[in-house]
N, C-alpha and C. Protein backbone atom coordinates (compact mmCIF):
# COMPACT_ATOMS: atom_id res chain seq x y z
N MET A 1 -29.96 -3.03 -13.94
CA MET A 1 -28.93 -4.05 -13.91
C MET A 1 -27.56 -3.37 -13.80
N GLN A 2 -26.72 -3.88 -12.96
CA GLN A 2 -25.37 -3.43 -12.84
C GLN A 2 -24.48 -4.39 -13.62
N VAL A 3 -23.62 -3.81 -14.49
CA VAL A 3 -22.72 -4.63 -15.31
C VAL A 3 -21.30 -4.23 -14.95
N TYR A 4 -20.50 -5.15 -14.54
CA TYR A 4 -19.10 -4.92 -14.18
C TYR A 4 -18.24 -5.52 -15.30
N LEU A 5 -17.46 -4.69 -15.96
CA LEU A 5 -16.67 -5.09 -17.09
C LEU A 5 -15.19 -5.21 -16.65
N ILE A 6 -14.62 -6.38 -16.73
CA ILE A 6 -13.25 -6.60 -16.29
C ILE A 6 -12.41 -7.09 -17.48
N ARG A 7 -11.36 -6.36 -17.79
CA ARG A 7 -10.43 -6.84 -18.79
C ARG A 7 -9.45 -7.76 -18.06
N HIS A 8 -9.06 -8.84 -18.73
CA HIS A 8 -8.14 -9.78 -18.18
C HIS A 8 -6.82 -9.09 -17.72
N PRO A 9 -6.08 -9.70 -16.78
CA PRO A 9 -4.78 -9.15 -16.40
C PRO A 9 -3.82 -9.14 -17.59
N ARG A 10 -2.70 -8.48 -17.41
CA ARG A 10 -1.71 -8.37 -18.47
C ARG A 10 -1.25 -9.77 -18.95
N PRO A 11 -1.27 -9.99 -20.28
CA PRO A 11 -0.87 -11.32 -20.81
C PRO A 11 0.65 -11.40 -20.95
N GLN A 12 1.13 -12.60 -21.05
CA GLN A 12 2.55 -12.85 -21.24
C GLN A 12 2.81 -12.91 -22.75
N VAL A 13 3.02 -11.73 -23.34
CA VAL A 13 3.29 -11.58 -24.77
C VAL A 13 4.16 -10.33 -24.94
N ALA A 14 5.02 -10.43 -25.89
CA ALA A 14 5.94 -9.29 -26.15
C ALA A 14 5.14 -8.05 -26.55
N ALA A 15 5.67 -6.88 -26.16
CA ALA A 15 5.04 -5.63 -26.55
C ALA A 15 5.04 -5.48 -28.07
N GLY A 16 3.95 -4.95 -28.58
CA GLY A 16 3.85 -4.71 -30.04
C GLY A 16 3.42 -5.92 -30.83
N VAL A 17 3.01 -7.00 -30.17
CA VAL A 17 2.57 -8.20 -30.87
C VAL A 17 1.06 -8.25 -30.86
N CYS A 18 0.46 -8.52 -31.99
CA CYS A 18 -0.98 -8.66 -32.13
C CYS A 18 -1.38 -10.07 -31.73
N TYR A 19 -2.05 -10.21 -30.60
CA TYR A 19 -2.32 -11.53 -30.05
C TYR A 19 -3.81 -11.90 -30.01
N GLY A 20 -4.74 -11.03 -30.31
CA GLY A 20 -6.17 -11.26 -30.38
C GLY A 20 -6.71 -12.59 -29.85
N ARG A 21 -7.06 -13.51 -30.74
CA ARG A 21 -7.72 -14.76 -30.39
C ARG A 21 -6.73 -15.82 -29.88
N THR A 22 -5.40 -15.58 -30.06
CA THR A 22 -4.42 -16.55 -29.61
C THR A 22 -4.49 -16.68 -28.08
N ASP A 23 -4.50 -17.92 -27.61
CA ASP A 23 -4.69 -18.20 -26.19
C ASP A 23 -3.36 -18.08 -25.41
N VAL A 24 -2.93 -16.83 -25.24
CA VAL A 24 -1.68 -16.58 -24.52
C VAL A 24 -1.89 -16.63 -23.00
N PRO A 25 -0.84 -17.02 -22.23
CA PRO A 25 -0.98 -17.09 -20.74
C PRO A 25 -0.91 -15.70 -20.13
N LEU A 26 -1.18 -15.70 -18.84
CA LEU A 26 -1.08 -14.46 -18.05
C LEU A 26 0.32 -14.20 -17.54
N ALA A 27 0.68 -12.92 -17.48
CA ALA A 27 1.93 -12.50 -16.88
C ALA A 27 1.75 -12.19 -15.38
N GLU A 28 0.46 -11.93 -15.01
CA GLU A 28 0.13 -11.62 -13.62
C GLU A 28 -0.67 -12.77 -13.00
N ASP A 29 -0.47 -13.01 -11.75
CA ASP A 29 -1.19 -14.04 -11.03
C ASP A 29 -2.67 -13.73 -10.97
N ALA A 30 -3.51 -14.69 -11.41
CA ALA A 30 -4.96 -14.48 -11.42
C ALA A 30 -5.55 -14.31 -10.02
N GLN A 31 -5.03 -15.03 -9.07
CA GLN A 31 -5.52 -14.93 -7.68
C GLN A 31 -5.25 -13.55 -7.12
N ALA A 32 -4.05 -12.96 -7.38
CA ALA A 32 -3.74 -11.63 -6.90
C ALA A 32 -4.63 -10.60 -7.55
N ALA A 33 -4.91 -10.76 -8.84
CA ALA A 33 -5.79 -9.83 -9.54
C ALA A 33 -7.21 -9.93 -8.97
N ALA A 34 -7.68 -11.16 -8.69
CA ALA A 34 -9.01 -11.35 -8.14
C ALA A 34 -9.14 -10.70 -6.78
N ALA A 35 -8.11 -10.86 -5.94
CA ALA A 35 -8.14 -10.26 -4.58
C ALA A 35 -8.21 -8.79 -4.67
N ARG A 36 -7.57 -8.16 -5.67
CA ARG A 36 -7.60 -6.73 -5.86
C ARG A 36 -8.99 -6.24 -6.38
N LEU A 37 -9.63 -7.04 -7.22
CA LEU A 37 -10.87 -6.65 -7.83
C LEU A 37 -12.12 -6.99 -6.99
N ARG A 38 -12.04 -8.02 -6.21
CA ARG A 38 -13.25 -8.52 -5.50
C ARG A 38 -13.95 -7.45 -4.66
N PRO A 39 -13.23 -6.55 -3.98
CA PRO A 39 -13.94 -5.52 -3.23
C PRO A 39 -14.78 -4.54 -4.08
N LEU A 40 -14.57 -4.48 -5.36
CA LEU A 40 -15.31 -3.62 -6.26
C LEU A 40 -16.61 -4.23 -6.72
N LEU A 41 -16.80 -5.55 -6.47
CA LEU A 41 -17.94 -6.28 -6.98
C LEU A 41 -19.00 -6.46 -5.92
N PRO A 42 -20.27 -6.64 -6.33
CA PRO A 42 -21.33 -6.89 -5.37
C PRO A 42 -21.16 -8.30 -4.77
N GLU A 43 -21.91 -8.58 -3.70
CA GLU A 43 -21.79 -9.88 -3.03
C GLU A 43 -22.26 -11.00 -3.97
N GLU A 44 -23.35 -10.79 -4.72
CA GLU A 44 -23.91 -11.77 -5.58
C GLU A 44 -23.95 -11.24 -7.03
N PHE A 45 -23.58 -12.09 -7.94
CA PHE A 45 -23.59 -11.73 -9.35
C PHE A 45 -23.53 -12.99 -10.21
N VAL A 46 -23.95 -12.83 -11.46
CA VAL A 46 -23.78 -13.82 -12.47
C VAL A 46 -22.49 -13.51 -13.20
N LEU A 47 -21.64 -14.50 -13.37
CA LEU A 47 -20.29 -14.30 -13.91
C LEU A 47 -20.11 -14.95 -15.25
N TYR A 48 -19.77 -14.12 -16.27
CA TYR A 48 -19.54 -14.63 -17.62
C TYR A 48 -18.06 -14.37 -17.98
N ALA A 49 -17.52 -15.26 -18.78
CA ALA A 49 -16.11 -15.08 -19.16
C ALA A 49 -15.82 -15.64 -20.55
N SER A 50 -14.86 -15.05 -21.18
CA SER A 50 -14.24 -15.61 -22.37
C SER A 50 -13.54 -16.88 -21.95
N PRO A 51 -13.59 -17.92 -22.77
CA PRO A 51 -12.87 -19.17 -22.47
C PRO A 51 -11.36 -19.09 -22.66
N LEU A 52 -10.84 -18.00 -23.24
CA LEU A 52 -9.40 -17.89 -23.38
C LEU A 52 -8.76 -17.75 -22.01
N GLN A 53 -7.69 -18.45 -21.75
CA GLN A 53 -7.13 -18.59 -20.42
C GLN A 53 -6.78 -17.28 -19.73
N ARG A 54 -6.43 -16.23 -20.48
CA ARG A 54 -6.09 -15.03 -19.80
C ARG A 54 -7.30 -14.37 -19.16
N ALA A 55 -8.54 -14.64 -19.62
CA ALA A 55 -9.75 -14.19 -18.98
C ALA A 55 -10.32 -15.26 -18.06
N TRP A 56 -10.32 -16.48 -18.51
CA TRP A 56 -10.89 -17.62 -17.79
C TRP A 56 -10.26 -17.79 -16.39
N ARG A 57 -8.97 -17.71 -16.30
CA ARG A 57 -8.26 -17.93 -15.00
C ARG A 57 -8.70 -16.90 -13.98
N LEU A 58 -8.81 -15.63 -14.40
CA LEU A 58 -9.27 -14.61 -13.49
C LEU A 58 -10.73 -14.87 -13.10
N ALA A 59 -11.57 -15.19 -14.06
CA ALA A 59 -12.96 -15.46 -13.76
C ALA A 59 -13.12 -16.59 -12.76
N CYS A 60 -12.35 -17.64 -12.94
CA CYS A 60 -12.40 -18.77 -11.96
C CYS A 60 -11.96 -18.33 -10.57
N ALA A 61 -11.03 -17.40 -10.50
CA ALA A 61 -10.58 -16.90 -9.22
C ALA A 61 -11.61 -16.02 -8.53
N LEU A 62 -12.54 -15.48 -9.36
CA LEU A 62 -13.63 -14.59 -8.82
C LEU A 62 -14.90 -15.39 -8.46
N GLY A 63 -15.08 -16.56 -9.02
CA GLY A 63 -16.29 -17.29 -8.78
C GLY A 63 -16.47 -18.49 -9.68
N GLU A 64 -17.70 -18.76 -10.07
CA GLU A 64 -18.01 -19.86 -10.96
C GLU A 64 -18.56 -19.27 -12.27
N PRO A 65 -17.66 -19.09 -13.21
CA PRO A 65 -18.06 -18.42 -14.46
C PRO A 65 -18.77 -19.34 -15.43
N VAL A 66 -19.54 -18.70 -16.29
CA VAL A 66 -20.15 -19.33 -17.46
C VAL A 66 -19.28 -18.94 -18.65
N ALA A 67 -18.65 -19.93 -19.28
CA ALA A 67 -17.83 -19.66 -20.46
C ALA A 67 -18.72 -19.34 -21.64
N ASP A 68 -18.35 -18.30 -22.35
CA ASP A 68 -19.10 -17.98 -23.55
C ASP A 68 -18.12 -17.50 -24.66
N ALA A 69 -18.01 -18.27 -25.71
CA ALA A 69 -17.05 -17.99 -26.79
C ALA A 69 -17.34 -16.67 -27.48
N ARG A 70 -18.56 -16.18 -27.33
CA ARG A 70 -18.92 -14.90 -27.97
C ARG A 70 -18.15 -13.73 -27.31
N LEU A 71 -17.53 -14.00 -26.14
CA LEU A 71 -16.78 -12.94 -25.44
C LEU A 71 -15.29 -12.99 -25.75
N GLN A 72 -14.88 -13.88 -26.65
CA GLN A 72 -13.46 -13.96 -27.00
C GLN A 72 -13.01 -12.69 -27.75
N GLU A 73 -11.71 -12.47 -27.71
CA GLU A 73 -11.15 -11.32 -28.43
C GLU A 73 -11.31 -11.48 -29.93
N MET A 74 -11.15 -10.38 -30.63
CA MET A 74 -11.25 -10.37 -32.09
C MET A 74 -10.24 -11.36 -32.68
N ASP A 75 -10.68 -12.04 -33.72
CA ASP A 75 -9.82 -12.93 -34.49
C ASP A 75 -9.07 -12.10 -35.54
N PHE A 76 -7.77 -11.95 -35.32
CA PHE A 76 -6.99 -11.15 -36.27
C PHE A 76 -6.40 -12.02 -37.41
N GLY A 77 -6.80 -13.28 -37.48
CA GLY A 77 -6.39 -14.14 -38.60
C GLY A 77 -4.90 -14.21 -38.78
N ASP A 78 -4.45 -13.86 -39.99
CA ASP A 78 -2.99 -13.93 -40.34
C ASP A 78 -2.15 -12.93 -39.54
N TRP A 79 -2.77 -11.97 -38.94
CA TRP A 79 -2.06 -11.01 -38.13
C TRP A 79 -1.67 -11.54 -36.73
N GLU A 80 -2.31 -12.61 -36.33
CA GLU A 80 -2.08 -13.14 -34.95
C GLU A 80 -0.59 -13.48 -34.75
N MET A 81 -0.12 -13.02 -33.60
CA MET A 81 1.22 -13.27 -33.12
C MET A 81 2.30 -12.67 -33.99
N ARG A 82 1.93 -11.67 -34.76
CA ARG A 82 2.91 -10.95 -35.56
C ARG A 82 3.05 -9.55 -34.95
N HIS A 83 4.25 -9.04 -35.05
CA HIS A 83 4.55 -7.69 -34.53
C HIS A 83 3.84 -6.66 -35.45
N TYR A 84 3.34 -5.60 -34.83
CA TYR A 84 2.64 -4.57 -35.62
C TYR A 84 3.47 -4.02 -36.75
N ASP A 85 4.79 -3.90 -36.59
CA ASP A 85 5.65 -3.43 -37.67
C ASP A 85 5.66 -4.41 -38.83
N GLU A 86 5.58 -5.71 -38.53
CA GLU A 86 5.61 -6.74 -39.54
C GLU A 86 4.30 -6.73 -40.35
N ILE A 87 3.21 -6.42 -39.69
CA ILE A 87 1.89 -6.36 -40.39
C ILE A 87 1.95 -5.23 -41.36
N GLY A 88 2.54 -4.10 -40.98
CA GLY A 88 2.79 -3.00 -41.93
C GLY A 88 1.80 -1.86 -41.86
N ALA A 89 2.33 -0.68 -42.13
CA ALA A 89 1.51 0.53 -42.06
C ALA A 89 0.36 0.52 -43.08
N ALA A 90 0.58 -0.05 -44.25
CA ALA A 90 -0.44 -0.07 -45.29
C ALA A 90 -1.68 -0.86 -44.81
N ALA A 91 -1.43 -2.00 -44.15
CA ALA A 91 -2.54 -2.83 -43.65
C ALA A 91 -3.29 -2.09 -42.55
N TRP A 92 -2.55 -1.46 -41.67
CA TRP A 92 -3.18 -0.69 -40.59
C TRP A 92 -3.98 0.49 -41.12
N ALA A 93 -3.49 1.09 -42.19
CA ALA A 93 -4.23 2.23 -42.80
C ALA A 93 -5.56 1.73 -43.40
N GLN A 94 -5.57 0.50 -43.94
CA GLN A 94 -6.84 -0.04 -44.46
C GLN A 94 -7.83 -0.21 -43.33
N TRP A 95 -7.34 -0.69 -42.19
CA TRP A 95 -8.23 -0.90 -41.07
C TRP A 95 -8.76 0.43 -40.54
N GLU A 96 -7.88 1.41 -40.42
CA GLU A 96 -8.26 2.73 -39.93
C GLU A 96 -9.27 3.41 -40.86
N ALA A 97 -9.21 3.10 -42.16
CA ALA A 97 -10.11 3.73 -43.10
C ALA A 97 -11.55 3.23 -42.92
N ASP A 98 -11.73 2.00 -42.45
CA ASP A 98 -13.04 1.44 -42.22
C ASP A 98 -12.96 0.41 -41.04
N PRO A 99 -12.79 0.94 -39.82
CA PRO A 99 -12.53 0.03 -38.70
C PRO A 99 -13.69 -0.96 -38.41
N LEU A 100 -14.92 -0.60 -38.75
CA LEU A 100 -16.02 -1.50 -38.48
C LEU A 100 -16.06 -2.69 -39.46
N HIS A 101 -15.74 -2.45 -40.68
CA HIS A 101 -15.94 -3.51 -41.71
C HIS A 101 -14.63 -4.15 -42.22
N PHE A 102 -13.49 -3.55 -41.96
CA PHE A 102 -12.25 -4.15 -42.46
C PHE A 102 -11.99 -5.49 -41.73
N CYS A 103 -11.60 -6.47 -42.52
CA CYS A 103 -11.32 -7.80 -41.95
C CYS A 103 -9.89 -8.18 -42.26
N PRO A 104 -9.08 -8.39 -41.19
CA PRO A 104 -7.70 -8.86 -41.46
C PRO A 104 -7.79 -10.23 -42.23
N PRO A 105 -6.82 -10.52 -43.06
CA PRO A 105 -6.84 -11.77 -43.83
C PRO A 105 -7.05 -12.97 -42.88
N GLY A 106 -8.08 -13.76 -43.13
CA GLY A 106 -8.33 -14.94 -42.34
C GLY A 106 -8.96 -14.68 -41.00
N GLY A 107 -9.32 -13.40 -40.70
CA GLY A 107 -9.83 -13.06 -39.39
C GLY A 107 -11.28 -12.61 -39.47
N GLU A 108 -11.67 -11.76 -38.53
CA GLU A 108 -13.03 -11.22 -38.48
C GLU A 108 -12.99 -9.71 -38.41
N SER A 109 -14.13 -9.11 -38.76
CA SER A 109 -14.21 -7.66 -38.68
C SER A 109 -14.77 -7.26 -37.30
N LEU A 110 -14.67 -5.99 -37.03
CA LEU A 110 -15.20 -5.47 -35.79
C LEU A 110 -16.75 -5.58 -35.80
N ALA A 111 -17.35 -5.50 -36.98
CA ALA A 111 -18.80 -5.68 -37.10
C ALA A 111 -19.17 -7.11 -36.69
N GLN A 112 -18.38 -8.07 -37.11
CA GLN A 112 -18.66 -9.47 -36.74
C GLN A 112 -18.48 -9.68 -35.22
N LEU A 113 -17.41 -9.14 -34.69
CA LEU A 113 -17.20 -9.19 -33.23
C LEU A 113 -18.37 -8.57 -32.50
N THR A 114 -18.80 -7.43 -32.95
CA THR A 114 -19.93 -6.70 -32.28
C THR A 114 -21.19 -7.55 -32.36
N ALA A 115 -21.45 -8.20 -33.47
CA ALA A 115 -22.70 -8.98 -33.64
C ALA A 115 -22.67 -10.14 -32.63
N ARG A 116 -21.57 -10.79 -32.44
CA ARG A 116 -21.56 -11.91 -31.45
C ARG A 116 -21.66 -11.40 -30.05
N VAL A 117 -21.03 -10.29 -29.72
CA VAL A 117 -21.13 -9.73 -28.38
C VAL A 117 -22.54 -9.28 -28.06
N MET A 118 -23.20 -8.68 -29.04
CA MET A 118 -24.57 -8.19 -28.82
C MET A 118 -25.56 -9.39 -28.79
N ALA A 119 -25.26 -10.49 -29.44
CA ALA A 119 -26.10 -11.72 -29.28
C ALA A 119 -25.97 -12.24 -27.86
N TRP A 120 -24.75 -12.23 -27.31
CA TRP A 120 -24.55 -12.61 -25.90
C TRP A 120 -25.35 -11.66 -25.01
N TRP A 121 -25.29 -10.36 -25.28
CA TRP A 121 -25.96 -9.35 -24.43
C TRP A 121 -27.49 -9.57 -24.41
N GLN A 122 -28.06 -9.88 -25.56
CA GLN A 122 -29.50 -10.14 -25.62
C GLN A 122 -29.90 -11.27 -24.70
N GLN A 123 -29.06 -12.30 -24.67
CA GLN A 123 -29.32 -13.45 -23.80
C GLN A 123 -29.21 -13.04 -22.32
N VAL A 124 -28.22 -12.24 -21.99
CA VAL A 124 -28.03 -11.76 -20.63
C VAL A 124 -29.23 -10.91 -20.18
N GLN A 125 -29.66 -10.00 -21.02
CA GLN A 125 -30.82 -9.17 -20.67
C GLN A 125 -32.05 -10.04 -20.40
N ALA A 126 -32.26 -11.05 -21.15
CA ALA A 126 -33.42 -11.92 -20.98
C ALA A 126 -33.35 -12.75 -19.70
N SER A 127 -32.13 -12.88 -19.14
CA SER A 127 -31.96 -13.69 -17.94
C SER A 127 -32.55 -13.01 -16.68
N GLY A 128 -32.70 -11.71 -16.69
CA GLY A 128 -33.24 -10.98 -15.55
C GLY A 128 -32.26 -10.82 -14.39
N ALA A 129 -30.98 -11.06 -14.61
CA ALA A 129 -29.94 -10.91 -13.57
C ALA A 129 -29.88 -9.46 -13.12
N GLU A 130 -29.63 -9.26 -11.83
CA GLU A 130 -29.49 -7.87 -11.30
C GLU A 130 -28.07 -7.35 -11.40
N SER A 131 -27.11 -8.27 -11.19
CA SER A 131 -25.67 -7.87 -11.26
C SER A 131 -24.95 -8.89 -12.15
N VAL A 132 -24.22 -8.41 -13.12
CA VAL A 132 -23.48 -9.24 -14.06
C VAL A 132 -22.03 -8.80 -14.06
N VAL A 133 -21.10 -9.79 -13.94
CA VAL A 133 -19.69 -9.51 -14.05
C VAL A 133 -19.21 -10.22 -15.32
N VAL A 134 -18.44 -9.49 -16.14
CA VAL A 134 -17.95 -10.00 -17.38
C VAL A 134 -16.41 -9.92 -17.35
N VAL A 135 -15.74 -11.04 -17.54
CA VAL A 135 -14.28 -11.01 -17.65
C VAL A 135 -13.96 -11.37 -19.10
N ALA A 136 -13.44 -10.41 -19.80
CA ALA A 136 -13.19 -10.59 -21.25
C ALA A 136 -11.97 -9.80 -21.70
N HIS A 137 -12.02 -9.29 -22.89
CA HIS A 137 -10.90 -8.65 -23.59
C HIS A 137 -11.29 -7.24 -24.02
N GLY A 138 -10.27 -6.51 -24.38
CA GLY A 138 -10.50 -5.12 -24.80
C GLY A 138 -11.46 -4.93 -25.93
N GLY A 139 -11.36 -5.78 -26.96
CA GLY A 139 -12.24 -5.66 -28.11
C GLY A 139 -13.71 -5.83 -27.81
N PRO A 140 -14.11 -6.97 -27.20
CA PRO A 140 -15.48 -7.15 -26.88
C PRO A 140 -16.03 -6.13 -25.88
N LEU A 141 -15.21 -5.75 -24.92
CA LEU A 141 -15.65 -4.75 -23.94
C LEU A 141 -15.89 -3.39 -24.60
N ARG A 142 -15.00 -3.01 -25.49
CA ARG A 142 -15.15 -1.76 -26.22
C ARG A 142 -16.41 -1.80 -27.10
N ALA A 143 -16.60 -2.89 -27.81
CA ALA A 143 -17.78 -3.02 -28.66
C ALA A 143 -19.06 -2.92 -27.87
N TRP A 144 -19.12 -3.61 -26.71
CA TRP A 144 -20.34 -3.59 -25.91
C TRP A 144 -20.56 -2.19 -25.37
N LEU A 145 -19.57 -1.59 -24.74
CA LEU A 145 -19.75 -0.28 -24.14
C LEU A 145 -19.97 0.78 -25.19
N GLY A 146 -19.26 0.74 -26.30
CA GLY A 146 -19.44 1.72 -27.35
C GLY A 146 -20.85 1.66 -27.91
N THR A 147 -21.38 0.44 -28.06
CA THR A 147 -22.77 0.29 -28.52
C THR A 147 -23.74 0.85 -27.51
N GLN A 148 -23.52 0.52 -26.23
CA GLN A 148 -24.45 0.97 -25.20
C GLN A 148 -24.46 2.49 -25.03
N LEU A 149 -23.29 3.10 -25.20
CA LEU A 149 -23.18 4.57 -25.06
C LEU A 149 -23.47 5.27 -26.39
N LYS A 150 -23.74 4.48 -27.44
CA LYS A 150 -24.06 5.04 -28.73
C LYS A 150 -22.91 5.88 -29.33
N ILE A 151 -21.69 5.41 -29.09
CA ILE A 151 -20.49 6.06 -29.66
C ILE A 151 -20.22 5.52 -31.02
N VAL A 152 -19.89 6.36 -31.95
CA VAL A 152 -19.54 5.92 -33.29
C VAL A 152 -18.39 4.95 -33.25
N SER A 153 -18.44 3.83 -33.95
CA SER A 153 -17.49 2.76 -33.85
C SER A 153 -16.03 3.15 -34.06
N LYS A 154 -15.77 4.13 -34.90
CA LYS A 154 -14.38 4.56 -35.15
C LYS A 154 -13.76 5.14 -33.89
N TYR A 155 -14.55 5.49 -32.87
CA TYR A 155 -14.02 6.01 -31.62
C TYR A 155 -13.95 5.00 -30.50
N TRP A 156 -14.36 3.78 -30.74
CA TRP A 156 -14.37 2.77 -29.68
C TRP A 156 -13.01 2.52 -29.12
N LEU A 157 -11.94 2.66 -29.90
CA LEU A 157 -10.60 2.44 -29.33
C LEU A 157 -10.23 3.44 -28.22
N SER A 158 -10.95 4.56 -28.19
CA SER A 158 -10.73 5.51 -27.11
C SER A 158 -11.27 5.03 -25.77
N LEU A 159 -12.07 3.97 -25.79
CA LEU A 159 -12.57 3.37 -24.55
C LEU A 159 -11.46 2.42 -24.08
N ASP A 160 -10.57 2.95 -23.33
CA ASP A 160 -9.32 2.23 -22.95
C ASP A 160 -9.55 1.39 -21.70
N PHE A 161 -9.81 0.11 -21.86
CA PHE A 161 -9.94 -0.80 -20.73
C PHE A 161 -8.56 -1.29 -20.31
N ALA A 162 -8.15 -0.92 -19.12
CA ALA A 162 -6.82 -1.31 -18.61
C ALA A 162 -6.86 -2.78 -18.22
N CYS A 163 -5.74 -3.43 -18.45
CA CYS A 163 -5.61 -4.85 -18.06
C CYS A 163 -5.74 -4.99 -16.56
N GLY A 164 -6.55 -5.95 -16.12
CA GLY A 164 -6.73 -6.22 -14.70
C GLY A 164 -7.54 -5.18 -13.95
N ALA A 165 -8.35 -4.40 -14.67
CA ALA A 165 -9.14 -3.32 -14.04
C ALA A 165 -10.63 -3.59 -14.31
N CYS A 166 -11.46 -2.95 -13.50
CA CYS A 166 -12.91 -3.09 -13.53
C CYS A 166 -13.57 -1.75 -13.84
N SER A 167 -14.68 -1.84 -14.61
CA SER A 167 -15.50 -0.70 -14.92
C SER A 167 -16.96 -1.09 -14.62
N ARG A 168 -17.75 -0.09 -14.22
CA ARG A 168 -19.14 -0.38 -13.88
C ARG A 168 -20.09 0.46 -14.77
N VAL A 169 -21.11 -0.23 -15.29
CA VAL A 169 -22.13 0.39 -16.10
C VAL A 169 -23.48 0.00 -15.53
N ASP A 170 -24.35 0.96 -15.28
CA ASP A 170 -25.71 0.67 -14.85
C ASP A 170 -26.62 0.78 -16.05
N VAL A 171 -27.46 -0.25 -16.25
CA VAL A 171 -28.31 -0.39 -17.41
C VAL A 171 -29.75 -0.18 -16.94
N TYR A 172 -30.42 0.78 -17.63
CA TYR A 172 -31.81 1.09 -17.33
C TYR A 172 -32.64 0.90 -18.59
N GLU A 173 -33.94 1.01 -18.47
CA GLU A 173 -34.83 0.87 -19.65
C GLU A 173 -34.53 2.01 -20.63
N TRP A 174 -34.20 3.17 -20.12
CA TRP A 174 -33.95 4.36 -20.96
C TRP A 174 -32.55 4.46 -21.51
N GLY A 175 -31.63 3.65 -21.02
CA GLY A 175 -30.26 3.68 -21.50
C GLY A 175 -29.26 3.23 -20.43
N VAL A 176 -28.04 3.69 -20.55
CA VAL A 176 -27.02 3.28 -19.60
C VAL A 176 -26.30 4.48 -18.96
N SER A 177 -25.64 4.23 -17.82
CA SER A 177 -24.85 5.20 -17.17
C SER A 177 -23.53 4.60 -16.85
N LEU A 178 -22.42 5.19 -17.33
CA LEU A 178 -21.11 4.73 -16.97
C LEU A 178 -20.78 5.31 -15.62
N ARG A 179 -20.75 4.48 -14.59
CA ARG A 179 -20.53 4.88 -13.23
C ARG A 179 -19.04 5.17 -12.93
N TRP A 180 -18.19 4.25 -13.32
CA TRP A 180 -16.75 4.43 -13.16
C TRP A 180 -15.98 3.49 -14.12
N MET A 181 -14.74 3.85 -14.35
CA MET A 181 -13.94 3.07 -15.30
C MET A 181 -12.54 2.85 -14.77
N ASN A 182 -11.99 1.69 -15.01
CA ASN A 182 -10.62 1.31 -14.77
C ASN A 182 -10.20 1.41 -13.29
N ARG A 183 -11.03 0.89 -12.42
CA ARG A 183 -10.62 0.85 -11.02
C ARG A 183 -9.91 -0.47 -10.77
């Protein structure tokens, strides 16, 4: 199976603001991003997308997506729409000490995000699709790829999915192969 991972185009949000699950609009035109990405994709594919508008609009410009809430970005709870400086260094240090299990107040942990993404993945695998395109967010894409590559979760942030870019992973019975990233 070929899996194409696309992070949504750049959102319209101030730099340094934690926007996770908040449904912020796009700063880039979805049609323009789709025109740039379409040559990287196969002719036929099954298309899944987060229902948040920054992913959904691009997915609709690429084809007929299936919305799946399990592909939404991490819920940062009380941290949503707050500047990183306002959240504070002490809170970030708690997260860095246990990135998989730490849960922002009122939000979800990376372990919870990973569980929902992997539940989505089990369903996709059972579908028998040959080519899958996913339009989602940095968090779910990192969790999926980090899990597939068997990377320790504290290093998942090093999987830097650029906004409006596509990555390809080939999935085999024996494992996965990262073919290219951020085109």
